[in-house]
């Protein structure tokens, strides 16, 4: 598993490239081409989850259900 600093560096590189509109990201001598902004967003979300797990943060999920009788 990559180190926390490496994951944060990857996430920062992705966020910077997303903001600039470029779909190619380079870090540690590696280059990754993304097909769309959506794909970059998914990669950022995945890195956020990995960073959170390494930092000991829990993923909080809420499900709210509302009902009515329709009156």
PDB file of N, CA and C in Angstrom:
ATOM      1  N   UNK A   1       0.853  -1.174   0.000  1.00  0.00           N
ATOM      2  CA  UNK A   1       0.000   0.000   0.000  1.00  0.00           C
ATOM      3  C   UNK A   1       0.901   1.241   0.000  1.00  0.00           C
ATOM      4  N   UNK A   2       0.583   2.240  -0.839  1.00  0.00           N
ATOM      5  CA  UNK A   2       1.393   3.455  -0.895  1.00  0.00           C
ATOM      6  C   UNK A   2       1.341   4.227   0.423  1.00  0.00           C
ATOM      7  N   UNK A   3       2.396   5.003   0.647  1.00  0.00           N
ATOM      8  CA  UNK A   3       2.479   5.822   1.850  1.00  0.00           C
ATOM      9  C   UNK A   3       1.483   6.975   1.779  1.00  0.00           C
ATOM     10  N   UNK A   4       1.139   7.501   2.942  1.00  0.00           N
ATOM     11  CA  UNK A   4       0.160   8.574   3.048  1.00  0.00           C
ATOM     12  C   UNK A   4       0.602   9.805   2.253  1.00  0.00           C
ATOM     13  N   UNK A   5       1.880  10.164   2.355  1.00  0.00           N
ATOM     14  CA  UNK A   5       2.380  11.343   1.633  1.00  0.00           C
ATOM     15  C   UNK A   5       2.290  11.163   0.124  1.00  0.00           C
ATOM     16  N   UNK A   6       2.548   9.936  -0.345  1.00  0.00           N
ATOM     17  CA  UNK A   6       2.461   9.654  -1.775  1.00  0.00           C
ATOM     18  C   UNK A   6       1.018   9.778  -2.266  1.00  0.00           C
ATOM     19  N   UNK A   7       0.079   9.256  -1.487  1.00  0.00           N
ATOM     20  CA  UNK A   7      -1.332   9.353  -1.863  1.00  0.00           C
ATOM     21  C   UNK A   7      -1.795  10.806  -1.906  1.00  0.00           C
ATOM     22  N   UNK A   8      -1.364  11.593  -0.918  1.00  0.00           N
ATOM     23  CA  UNK A   8      -1.735  13.010  -0.897  1.00  0.00           C
ATOM     24  C   UNK A   8      -1.129  13.745  -2.091  1.00  0.00           C
ATOM     25  N   UNK A   9       0.096  13.394  -2.473  1.00  0.00           N
ATOM     26  CA  UNK A   9       0.733  14.021  -3.633  1.00  0.00           C
ATOM     27  C   UNK A   9      -0.026  13.684  -4.913  1.00  0.00           C
ATOM     28  N   UNK A  10      -0.447  12.427  -5.046  1.00  0.00           N
ATOM     29  CA  UNK A  10      -1.233  12.019  -6.220  1.00  0.00           C
ATOM     30  C   UNK A  10      -2.558  12.789  -6.275  1.00  0.00           C
ATOM     31  N   UNK A  11      -3.212  12.888  -5.122  1.00  0.00           N
ATOM     32  CA  UNK A  11      -4.495  13.580  -5.064  1.00  0.00           C
ATOM     33  C   UNK A  11      -4.336  15.051  -5.426  1.00  0.00           C
ATOM     34  N   UNK A  12      -3.285  15.688  -4.909  1.00  0.00           N
ATOM     35  CA  UNK A  12      -3.031  17.097  -5.226  1.00  0.00           C
ATOM     36  C   UNK A  12      -2.747  17.289  -6.713  1.00  0.00           C
ATOM     37  N   UNK A  13      -1.991  16.367  -7.304  1.00  0.00           N
ATOM     38  CA  UNK A  13      -1.697  16.446  -8.737  1.00  0.00           C
ATOM     39  C   UNK A  13      -2.975  16.300  -9.555  1.00  0.00           C
ATOM     40  N   UNK A  14      -3.833  15.367  -9.163  1.00  0.00           N
ATOM     41  CA  UNK A  14      -5.103  15.183  -9.874  1.00  0.00           C
ATOM     42  C   UNK A  14      -5.992  16.418  -9.758  1.00  0.00           C
ATOM     43  N   UNK A  15      -6.083  16.972  -8.566  1.00  0.00           N
ATOM     44  CA  UNK A  15      -6.923  18.155  -8.357  1.00  0.00           C
ATOM     45  C   UNK A  15      -6.409  19.336  -9.177  1.00  0.00           C
ATOM     46  N   UNK A  16      -5.099  19.510  -9.236  1.00  0.00           N
ATOM     47  CA  UNK A  16      -4.516  20.614 -10.012  1.00  0.00           C
ATOM     48  C   UNK A  16      -4.793  20.438 -11.503  1.00  0.00           C
ATOM     49  N   UNK A  17      -4.636  19.219 -11.992  1.00  0.00           N
ATOM     50  CA  UNK A  17      -4.881  18.969 -13.409  1.00  0.00           C
ATOM     51  C   UNK A  17      -6.361  19.113 -13.743  1.00  0.00           C
ATOM     52  N   UNK A  18      -7.224  18.685 -12.837  1.00  0.00           N
ATOM     53  CA  UNK A  18      -8.664  18.830 -13.072  1.00  0.00           C
ATOM     54  C   UNK A  18      -9.032  20.294 -13.179  1.00  0.00           C
ATOM     55  N   UNK A  19      -8.466  21.110 -12.303  1.00  0.00           N
ATOM     56  CA  UNK A  19      -8.752  22.542 -12.319  1.00  0.00           C
ATOM     57  C   UNK A  19      -8.249  23.206 -13.596  1.00  0.00           C
ATOM     58  N   UNK A  20      -7.162  22.688 -14.148  1.00  0.00           N
ATOM     59  CA  UNK A  20      -6.608  23.285 -15.366  1.00  0.00           C
ATOM     60  C   UNK A  20      -7.274  22.758 -16.635  1.00  0.00           C
ATOM     61  N   UNK A  21      -8.063  21.690 -16.496  1.00  0.00           N
ATOM     62  CA  UNK A  21      -8.757  21.138 -17.659  1.00  0.00           C
ATOM     63  C   UNK A  21      -7.930  20.152 -18.457  1.00  0.00           C
ATOM     64  N   UNK A  22      -6.762  19.770 -17.953  1.00  0.00           N
ATOM     65  CA  UNK A  22      -5.891  18.829 -18.639  1.00  0.00           C
ATOM     66  C   UNK A  22      -6.187  17.423 -18.138  1.00  0.00           C
ATOM     67  N   UNK A  23      -6.253  16.468 -19.049  1.00  0.00           N
ATOM     68  CA  UNK A  23      -6.603  15.100 -18.681  1.00  0.00           C
ATOM     69  C   UNK A  23      -5.380  14.192 -18.580  1.00  0.00           C
ATOM     70  N   UNK A  24      -4.185  14.776 -18.425  1.00  0.00           N
ATOM     71  CA  UNK A  24      -2.955  13.992 -18.279  1.00  0.00           C
ATOM     72  C   UNK A  24      -2.293  14.405 -16.974  1.00  0.00           C
ATOM     73  N   UNK A  25      -1.985  13.425 -16.140  1.00  0.00           N
ATOM     74  CA  UNK A  25      -1.386  13.690 -14.836  1.00  0.00           C
ATOM     75  C   UNK A  25      -0.065  12.949 -14.735  1.00  0.00           C
ATOM     76  N   UNK A  26       0.967  13.650 -14.254  1.00  0.00           N
ATOM     77  CA  UNK A  26       2.281  13.044 -14.059  1.00  0.00           C
ATOM     78  C   UNK A  26       2.698  13.180 -12.608  1.00  0.00           C
ATOM     79  N   UNK A  27       3.226  12.105 -12.044  1.00  0.00           N
ATOM     80  CA  UNK A  27       3.786  12.118 -10.695  1.00  0.00           C
ATOM     81  C   UNK A  27       4.775  10.969 -10.586  1.00  0.00           C
ATOM     82  N   UNK A  28       5.839  11.165  -9.868  1.00  0.00           N
ATOM     83  CA  UNK A  28       6.879  10.158  -9.663  1.00  0.00           C
ATOM     84  C   UNK A  28       7.358   9.531 -10.974  1.00  0.00           C
ATOM     85  N   UNK A  29       7.453  10.318 -12.031  1.00  0.00           N
ATOM     86  CA  UNK A  29       7.930   9.810 -13.304  1.00  0.00           C
ATOM     87  C   UNK A  29       6.919   8.976 -14.065  1.00  0.00           C
ATOM     88  N   UNK A  30       5.687   8.926 -13.582  1.00  0.00           N
ATOM     89  CA  UNK A  30       4.625   8.162 -14.253  1.00  0.00           C
ATOM     90  C   UNK A  30       3.615   9.138 -14.832  1.00  0.00           C
ATOM     91  N   UNK A  31       3.031   8.774 -15.964  1.00  0.00           N
ATOM     92  CA  UNK A  31       2.014   9.605 -16.591  1.00  0.00           C
ATOM     93  C   UNK A  31       0.749   8.777 -16.797  1.00  0.00           C
ATOM     94  N   UNK A  32      -0.387   9.373 -16.441  1.00  0.00           N
ATOM     95  CA  UNK A  32      -1.683   8.712 -16.609  1.00  0.00           C
ATOM     96  C   UNK A  32      -2.571   9.631 -17.435  1.00  0.00           C
ATOM     97  N   UNK A  33      -3.193   9.075 -18.484  1.00  0.00           N
ATOM     98  CA  UNK A  33      -4.136   9.823 -19.306  1.00  0.00           C
ATOM     99  C   UNK A  33      -5.552   9.425 -18.905  1.00  0.00           C
ATOM    100  N   UNK A  34      -6.371  10.423 -18.611  1.00  0.00           N
ATOM    101  CA  UNK A  34      -7.772  10.175 -18.251  1.00  0.00           C
ATOM    102  C   UNK A  34      -8.657  10.548 -19.427  1.00  0.00           C
ATOM    103  N   UNK A  35      -9.770   9.836 -19.573  1.00  0.00           N
ATOM    104  CA  UNK A  35     -10.660  10.068 -20.705  1.00  0.00           C
ATOM    105  C   UNK A  35     -11.622  11.212 -20.470  1.00  0.00           C
ATOM    106  N   UNK A  36     -11.957  11.481 -19.203  1.00  0.00           N
ATOM    107  CA  UNK A  36     -12.948  12.518 -18.931  1.00  0.00           C
ATOM    108  C   UNK A  36     -12.740  13.097 -17.539  1.00  0.00           C
ATOM    109  N   UNK A  37     -13.408  14.206 -17.291  1.00  0.00           N
ATOM    110  CA  UNK A  37     -13.366  14.834 -15.968  1.00  0.00           C
ATOM    111  C   UNK A  37     -14.020  13.918 -14.939  1.00  0.00           C
ATOM    112  N   UNK A  38     -15.040  13.192 -15.342  1.00  0.00           N
ATOM    113  CA  UNK A  38     -15.715  12.250 -14.449  1.00  0.00           C
ATOM    114  C   UNK A  38     -14.749  11.175 -13.966  1.00  0.00           C
ATOM    115  N   UNK A  39     -13.917  10.697 -14.853  1.00  0.00           N
ATOM    116  CA  UNK A  39     -12.933   9.681 -14.484  1.00  0.00           C
ATOM    117  C   UNK A  39     -11.915  10.255 -13.490  1.00  0.00           C
ATOM    118  N   UNK A  40     -11.515  11.506 -13.685  1.00  0.00           N
ATOM    119  CA  UNK A  40     -10.609  12.168 -12.742  1.00  0.00           C
ATOM    120  C   UNK A  40     -11.295  12.316 -11.384  1.00  0.00           C
ATOM    121  N   UNK A  41     -12.571  12.711 -11.390  1.00  0.00           N
ATOM    122  CA  UNK A  41     -13.318  12.850 -10.136  1.00  0.00           C
ATOM    123  C   UNK A  41     -13.384  11.527  -9.376  1.00  0.00           C
ATOM    124  N   UNK A  42     -13.598  10.430 -10.096  1.00  0.00           N
ATOM    125  CA  UNK A  42     -13.644   9.117  -9.447  1.00  0.00           C
ATOM    126  C   UNK A  42     -12.289   8.762  -8.837  1.00  0.00           C
ATOM    127  N   UNK A  43     -11.213   9.089  -9.554  1.00  0.00           N
ATOM    128  CA  UNK A  43      -9.872   8.815  -9.039  1.00  0.00           C
ATOM    129  C   UNK A  43      -9.597   9.642  -7.782  1.00  0.00           C
ATOM    130  N   UNK A  44     -10.026  10.900  -7.782  1.00  0.00           N
ATOM    131  CA  UNK A  44      -9.852  11.761  -6.606  1.00  0.00           C
ATOM    132  C   UNK A  44     -10.644  11.193  -5.429  1.00  0.00           C
ATOM    133  N   UNK A  45     -11.877  10.766  -5.674  1.00  0.00           N
ATOM    134  CA  UNK A  45     -12.694  10.174  -4.610  1.00  0.00           C
ATOM    135  C   UNK A  45     -12.041   8.911  -4.037  1.00  0.00           C
ATOM    136  N   UNK A  46     -11.496   8.082  -4.914  1.00  0.00           N
ATOM    137  CA  UNK A  46     -10.835   6.855  -4.460  1.00  0.00           C
ATOM    138  C   UNK A  46      -9.617   7.183  -3.604  1.00  0.00           C
ATOM    139  N   UNK A  47      -8.839   8.183  -4.029  1.00  0.00           N
ATOM    140  CA  UNK A  47      -7.672   8.580  -3.241  1.00  0.00           C
ATOM    141  C   UNK A  47      -8.094   9.182  -1.909  1.00  0.00           C
ATOM    142  N   UNK A  48      -9.181   9.955  -1.899  1.00  0.00           N
ATOM    143  CA  UNK A  48      -9.691  10.509  -0.643  1.00  0.00           C
ATOM    144  C   UNK A  48     -10.062   9.391   0.336  1.00  0.00           C
ATOM    145  N   UNK A  49     -10.680   8.318  -0.174  1.00  0.00           N
ATOM    146  CA  UNK A  49     -11.042   7.190   0.688  1.00  0.00           C
ATOM    147  C   UNK A  49      -9.800   6.501   1.239  1.00  0.00           C
ATOM    148  N   UNK A  50      -8.782   6.316   0.388  1.00  0.00           N
ATOM    149  CA  UNK A  50      -7.548   5.672   0.843  1.00  0.00           C
ATOM    150  C   UNK A  50      -6.840   6.525   1.897  1.00  0.00           C
ATOM    151  N   UNK A  51      -6.759   7.831   1.652  1.00  0.00           N
ATOM    152  CA  UNK A  51      -6.127   8.735   2.612  1.00  0.00           C
ATOM    153  C   UNK A  51      -6.900   8.698   3.928  1.00  0.00           C
ATOM    154  N   UNK A  52      -8.208   8.746   3.861  1.00  0.00           N
ATOM    155  CA  UNK A  52      -9.034   8.691   5.056  1.00  0.00           C
ATOM    156  C   UNK A  52      -8.822   7.410   5.843  1.00  0.00           C
ATOM    157  N   UNK A  53      -8.703   6.301   5.136  1.00  0.00           N
ATOM    158  CA  UNK A  53      -8.477   5.021   5.807  1.00  0.00           C
ATOM    159  C   UNK A  53      -7.130   5.001   6.514  1.00  0.00           C
ATOM    160  N   UNK A  54      -6.105   5.540   5.858  1.00  0.00           N
ATOM    161  CA  UNK A  54      -4.776   5.576   6.477  1.00  0.00           C
ATOM    162  C   UNK A  54      -4.724   6.529   7.660  1.00  0.00           C
ATOM    163  N   UNK A  55      -5.531   7.587   7.616  1.00  0.00           N
ATOM    164  CA  UNK A  55      -5.564   8.542   8.714  1.00  0.00           C
ATOM    165  C   UNK A  55      -6.499   8.082   9.830  1.00  0.00           C
ATOM    166  N   UNK A  56      -7.193   6.974   9.625  1.00  0.00           N
ATOM    167  CA  UNK A  56      -8.069   6.435  10.648  1.00  0.00           C
ATOM    168  C   UNK A  56      -9.459   7.039  10.666  1.00  0.00           C
ATOM    169  N   UNK A  57      -9.815   7.780   9.611  1.00  0.00           N
ATOM    170  CA  UNK A  57     -11.161   8.352   9.544  1.00  0.00           C
ATOM    171  C   UNK A  57     -12.136   7.301   9.045  1.00  0.00           C
ATOM    172  N   UNK A  58     -13.309   7.311   9.601  1.00  0.00           N
ATOM    173  CA  UNK A  58     -14.361   6.406   9.157  1.00  0.00           C
ATOM    174  C   UNK A  58     -15.186   7.070   8.072  1.00  0.00           C
ATOM    175  N   UNK A  59     -15.701   6.260   7.184  1.00  0.00           N
ATOM    176  CA  UNK A  59     -16.614   6.759   6.163  1.00  0.00           C
ATOM    177  C   UNK A  59     -18.006   6.799   6.784  1.00  0.00           C
ATOM    178  N   UNK A  60     -18.608   7.957   6.786  1.00  0.00           N
ATOM    179  CA  UNK A  60     -19.927   8.117   7.376  1.00  0.00           C
ATOM    180  C   UNK A  60     -20.957   8.107   6.255  1.00  0.00           C
ATOM    181  N   UNK A  61     -21.896   7.212   6.389  1.00  0.00           N
ATOM    182  CA  UNK A  61     -22.975   7.123   5.403  1.00  0.00           C
ATOM    183  C   UNK A  61     -24.292   7.277   6.134  1.00  0.00           C
ATOM    184  N   UNK A  62     -25.192   8.005   5.540  1.00  0.00           N
ATOM    185  CA  UNK A  62     -26.509   8.171   6.126  1.00  0.00           C
ATOM    186  C   UNK A  62     -27.557   7.806   5.094  1.00  0.00           C
ATOM    187  N   UNK A  63     -28.566   7.125   5.563  1.00  0.00           N
ATOM    188  CA  UNK A  63     -29.711   6.827   4.729  1.00  0.00           C
ATOM    189  C   UNK A  63     -30.927   7.398   5.435  1.00  0.00           C
ATOM    190  N   UNK A  64     -31.614   8.283   4.781  1.00  0.00           N
ATOM    191  CA  UNK A  64     -32.816   8.882   5.360  1.00  0.00           C
ATOM    192  C   UNK A  64     -34.020   8.433   4.558  1.00  0.00           C
ATOM    193  N   UNK A  65     -34.991   7.953   5.267  1.00  0.00           N
ATOM    194  CA  UNK A  65     -36.219   7.495   4.615  1.00  0.00           C
ATOM    195  C   UNK A  65     -37.357   8.347   5.131  1.00  0.00           C
ATOM    196  N   UNK A  66     -38.103   8.916   4.218  1.00  0.00           N
ATOM    197  CA  UNK A  66     -39.289   9.685   4.608  1.00  0.00           C
ATOM    198  C   UNK A  66     -40.491   9.089   3.902  1.00  0.00           C
ATOM    199  N   UNK A  67     -41.586   9.086   4.613  1.00  0.00           N
ATOM    200  CA  UNK A  67     -42.811   8.559   4.044  1.00  0.00           C
ATOM    201  C   UNK A  67     -43.959   9.508   4.353  1.00  0.00           C
ATOM    202  N   UNK A  68     -45.000   9.382   3.604  1.00  0.00           N
ATOM    203  CA  UNK A  68     -46.221  10.124   3.891  1.00  0.00           C
ATOM    204  C   UNK A  68     -47.398   9.292   3.399  1.00  0.00           C
ATOM    205  N   UNK A  69     -48.532   9.639   3.887  1.00  0.00           N
ATOM    206  CA  UNK A  69     -49.738   8.921   3.464  1.00  0.00           C
ATOM    207  C   UNK A  69     -50.307   9.490   2.180  1.00  0.00           C
ATOM    208  N   UNK A  70     -49.720  10.569   1.721  1.00  0.00           N
ATOM    209  CA  UNK A  70     -50.181  11.159   0.483  1.00  0.00           C
ATOM    210  C   UNK A  70     -51.452  11.975   0.633  1.00  0.00           C
ATOM    211  N   UNK A  71     -51.770  12.420   1.828  1.00  0.00           N
ATOM    212  CA  UNK A  71     -52.979  13.193   2.054  1.00  0.00           C
ATOM    213  C   UNK A  71     -52.710  14.673   1.887  1.00  0.00           C
TER     214      UNK A  71
END
